[in-house]
Amino acid sequence: MTSAAAKLMEWVHAGRTVVHEADSKTLLGEAGVALPRRDPNSGACVVKLCSDKYPHKTEHGLVKLNVPAAQIGEVAAVLRARAAGGVLIVEEMIEDGVAESGPLRWSAPAASSWN
């Protein structure tokens, strides 16, 4: 079993039916998928607070675009206040040519057949 498959099984057995973007992107990165650079120290950034409780971050005000690197800390504090316990990700702002990934989801019956 690959490490990605093992991680998915771990999440299924833990009862997780939604996996937020930060964990999803970690899994994709481990599989060799190219992702936006994390934690840039210059240029425009995207700041997101990820949580299984809020799979649609934008609807909950948990995504800020075009954030100057100097303002990341301030924006992060505002987002953390909105959803305590979330996972903060800061990525380089890419204007075109990138498909956005969202949360992974599955239903319990489908996931139980993975055993």
C-alpha atoms as a PDB file:
ATOM      1  CA  MET A   1       0.000   0.000   0.000  1.00  0.00           C
ATOM      2  CA  THR A   2       1.372   3.452  -0.902  1.00  0.00           C
ATOM      3  CA  SER A   3       1.793   6.114   1.765  1.00  0.00           C
ATOM      4  CA  ALA A   4      -1.050   8.094   0.154  1.00  0.00           C
ATOM      5  CA  ALA A   5      -3.361   5.067   0.313  1.00  0.00           C
ATOM      6  CA  ALA A   6      -2.325   4.409   3.906  1.00  0.00           C
ATOM      7  CA  LYS A   7      -3.087   8.031   4.841  1.00  0.00           C
ATOM      8  CA  LEU A   8      -6.514   7.826   3.166  1.00  0.00           C
ATOM      9  CA  MET A   9      -7.285   4.616   5.052  1.00  0.00           C
ATOM     10  CA  GLU A  10      -6.198   6.253   8.305  1.00  0.00           C
ATOM     11  CA  TRP A  11      -8.606   9.141   7.649  1.00  0.00           C
ATOM     12  CA  VAL A  12     -11.458   6.762   6.740  1.00  0.00           C
ATOM     13  CA  HIS A  13     -10.966   4.718   9.908  1.00  0.00           C
ATOM     14  CA  ALA A  14     -10.897   7.939  11.940  1.00  0.00           C
ATOM     15  CA  GLY A  15     -14.354   8.749  10.536  1.00  0.00           C
ATOM     16  CA  ARG A  16     -13.205  11.661   8.426  1.00  0.00           C
ATOM     17  CA  THR A  17     -15.544  12.199   5.447  1.00  0.00           C
ATOM     18  CA  VAL A  18     -14.151  15.612   4.444  1.00  0.00           C
ATOM     19  CA  VAL A  19     -10.428  16.304   4.245  1.00  0.00           C
ATOM     20  CA  HIS A  20      -9.496  19.980   4.080  1.00  0.00           C
ATOM     21  CA  GLU A  21      -7.326  21.525   1.391  1.00  0.00           C
ATOM     22  CA  ALA A  22      -4.101  21.636   3.407  1.00  0.00           C
ATOM     23  CA  ASP A  23      -4.155  17.863   4.001  1.00  0.00           C
ATOM     24  CA  SER A  24      -5.362  17.200   0.434  1.00  0.00           C
ATOM     25  CA  LYS A  25      -2.477  19.224  -1.003  1.00  0.00           C
ATOM     26  CA  THR A  26       0.041  17.448   1.225  1.00  0.00           C
ATOM     27  CA  LEU A  27      -1.199  14.154  -0.199  1.00  0.00           C
ATOM     28  CA  LEU A  28      -1.023  15.492  -3.781  1.00  0.00           C
ATOM     29  CA  GLY A  29       2.496  16.812  -3.211  1.00  0.00           C
ATOM     30  CA  GLU A  30       3.612  13.409  -1.908  1.00  0.00           C
ATOM     31  CA  ALA A  31       2.215  11.908  -5.117  1.00  0.00           C
ATOM     32  CA  GLY A  32       4.369  14.266  -7.191  1.00  0.00           C
ATOM     33  CA  VAL A  33       1.706  16.763  -8.251  1.00  0.00           C
ATOM     34  CA  ALA A  34       3.107  20.280  -8.754  1.00  0.00           C
ATOM     35  CA  LEU A  35       1.585  22.739  -6.285  1.00  0.00           C
ATOM     36  CA  PRO A  36       1.941  26.467  -5.625  1.00  0.00           C
ATOM     37  CA  ARG A  37       5.007  27.357  -3.559  1.00  0.00           C
ATOM     38  CA  ARG A  38       4.248  27.449   0.168  1.00  0.00           C
ATOM     39  CA  ASP A  39       5.267  30.204   2.561  1.00  0.00           C
ATOM     40  CA  PRO A  40       6.594  32.748   0.053  1.00  0.00           C
ATOM     41  CA  ASN A  41       8.481  35.648   1.589  1.00  0.00           C
ATOM     42  CA  SER A  42       7.853  38.150  -1.205  1.00  0.00           C
ATOM     43  CA  GLY A  43       5.223  39.056  -3.760  1.00  0.00           C
ATOM     44  CA  ALA A  44       1.478  38.583  -3.566  1.00  0.00           C
ATOM     45  CA  CYS A  45       0.210  35.610  -1.548  1.00  0.00           C
ATOM     46  CA  VAL A  46      -2.958  33.658  -0.915  1.00  0.00           C
ATOM     47  CA  VAL A  47      -3.720  33.099   2.777  1.00  0.00           C
ATOM     48  CA  LYS A  48      -6.248  30.383   3.658  1.00  0.00           C
ATOM     49  CA  LEU A  49      -7.461  28.786   6.832  1.00  0.00           C
ATOM     50  CA  CYS A  50      -8.436  25.171   6.198  1.00  0.00           C
ATOM     51  CA  SER A  51     -10.752  23.070   8.346  1.00  0.00           C
ATOM     52  CA  ASP A  52     -12.852  19.953   7.780  1.00  0.00           C
ATOM     53  CA  LYS A  53     -15.717  21.944   9.344  1.00  0.00           C
ATOM     54  CA  TYR A  54     -15.595  24.519   6.515  1.00  0.00           C
ATOM     55  CA  PRO A  55     -14.957  22.763   3.187  1.00  0.00           C
ATOM     56  CA  HIS A  56     -15.996  25.925   1.317  1.00  0.00           C
ATOM     57  CA  LYS A  57     -13.530  28.393   2.816  1.00  0.00           C
ATOM     58  CA  THR A  58     -14.552  31.376   0.695  1.00  0.00           C
ATOM     59  CA  GLU A  59     -18.150  31.251   1.933  1.00  0.00           C
ATOM     60  CA  HIS A  60     -16.842  31.615   5.491  1.00  0.00           C
ATOM     61  CA  GLY A  61     -14.354  34.396   4.785  1.00  0.00           C
ATOM     62  CA  LEU A  62     -11.369  32.101   5.249  1.00  0.00           C
ATOM     63  CA  VAL A  63      -9.508  33.021   2.025  1.00  0.00           C
ATOM     64  CA  LYS A  64      -7.670  36.254   1.303  1.00  0.00           C
ATOM     65  CA  LEU A  65      -6.120  36.903  -2.126  1.00  0.00           C
ATOM     66  CA  ASN A  66      -3.308  39.244  -3.192  1.00  0.00           C
ATOM     67  CA  VAL A  67      -1.949  39.628   0.338  1.00  0.00           C
ATOM     68  CA  PRO A  68       1.464  41.341   0.408  1.00  0.00           C
ATOM     69  CA  ALA A  69       4.050  39.198   2.194  1.00  0.00           C
ATOM     70  CA  ALA A  70       4.480  41.926   4.826  1.00  0.00           C
ATOM     71  CA  GLN A  71       0.797  41.582   5.821  1.00  0.00           C
ATOM     72  CA  ILE A  72       0.602  37.780   6.117  1.00  0.00           C
ATOM     73  CA  GLY A  73       0.802  37.766   9.928  1.00  0.00           C
ATOM     74  CA  GLU A  74      -1.990  40.309  10.292  1.00  0.00           C
ATOM     75  CA  VAL A  75      -4.278  38.484   7.843  1.00  0.00           C
ATOM     76  CA  ALA A  76      -3.485  35.110   9.449  1.00  0.00           C
ATOM     77  CA  ALA A  77      -4.534  36.428  12.865  1.00  0.00           C
ATOM     78  CA  VAL A  78      -7.899  37.581  11.483  1.00  0.00           C
ATOM     79  CA  LEU A  79      -8.545  34.216   9.812  1.00  0.00           C
ATOM     80  CA  ARG A  80      -7.532  32.234  12.917  1.00  0.00           C
ATOM     81  CA  ALA A  81     -10.010  34.255  14.957  1.00  0.00           C
ATOM     82  CA  ARG A  82     -12.794  33.185  12.569  1.00  0.00           C
ATOM     83  CA  ALA A  83     -12.074  29.454  12.728  1.00  0.00           C
ATOM     84  CA  ALA A  84      -9.987  28.372  15.685  1.00  0.00           C
ATOM     85  CA  GLY A  85      -8.165  25.090  15.206  1.00  0.00           C
ATOM     86  CA  GLY A  86      -7.852  25.406  11.435  1.00  0.00           C
ATOM     87  CA  VAL A  87      -4.671  24.864   9.458  1.00  0.00           C
ATOM     88  CA  LEU A  88      -3.194  28.004   7.915  1.00  0.00           C
ATOM     89  CA  ILE A  89      -1.631  27.796   4.468  1.00  0.00           C
ATOM     90  CA  VAL A  90       0.156  30.615   2.683  1.00  0.00           C
ATOM     91  CA  GLU A  91       0.924  30.134  -1.003  1.00  0.00           C
ATOM     92  CA  GLU A  92       2.285  32.198  -3.828  1.00  0.00           C
ATOM     93  CA  MET A  93      -0.436  33.993  -5.776  1.00  0.00           C
ATOM     94  CA  ILE A  94      -0.720  32.506  -9.266  1.00  0.00           C
ATOM     95  CA  GLU A  95      -2.914  34.431 -11.672  1.00  0.00           C
ATOM     96  CA  ASP A  96      -3.480  31.858 -14.424  1.00  0.00           C
ATOM     97  CA  GLY A  97      -2.946  28.290 -15.474  1.00  0.00           C
ATOM     98  CA  VAL A  98      -3.648  26.663 -12.121  1.00  0.00           C
ATOM     99  CA  ALA A  99      -6.604  24.477 -11.220  1.00  0.00           C
ATOM    100  CA  GLU A 100      -7.689  24.907  -7.622  1.00  0.00           C
ATOM    101  CA  SER A 101      -8.060  21.825  -5.484  1.00  0.00           C
ATOM    102  CA  GLY A 102     -10.706  21.620  -2.857  1.00  0.00           C
ATOM    103  CA  PRO A 103     -11.425  19.214  -0.051  1.00  0.00           C
ATOM    104  CA  LEU A 104     -11.539  15.471  -0.569  1.00  0.00           C
ATOM    105  CA  ARG A 105     -14.923  13.936   0.201  1.00  0.00           C
ATOM    106  CA  TRP A 106     -16.347  10.463   0.317  1.00  0.00           C
ATOM    107  CA  SER A 107     -19.379   8.728   1.683  1.00  0.00           C
ATOM    108  CA  ALA A 108     -19.120   6.224   4.499  1.00  0.00           C
ATOM    109  CA  PRO A 109     -20.419   3.251   2.440  1.00  0.00           C
ATOM    110  CA  ALA A 110     -17.938   3.877  -0.356  1.00  0.00           C
ATOM    111  CA  ALA A 111     -15.063   4.387   2.049  1.00  0.00           C
ATOM    112  CA  SER A 112     -15.857   1.213   3.984  1.00  0.00           C
ATOM    113  CA  SER A 113     -15.341  -0.829   0.802  1.00  0.00           C
ATOM    114  CA  TRP A 114     -11.662   0.268   0.743  1.00  0.00           C
ATOM    115  CA  ASN A 115     -10.737  -2.269   3.418  1.00  0.00           C
END
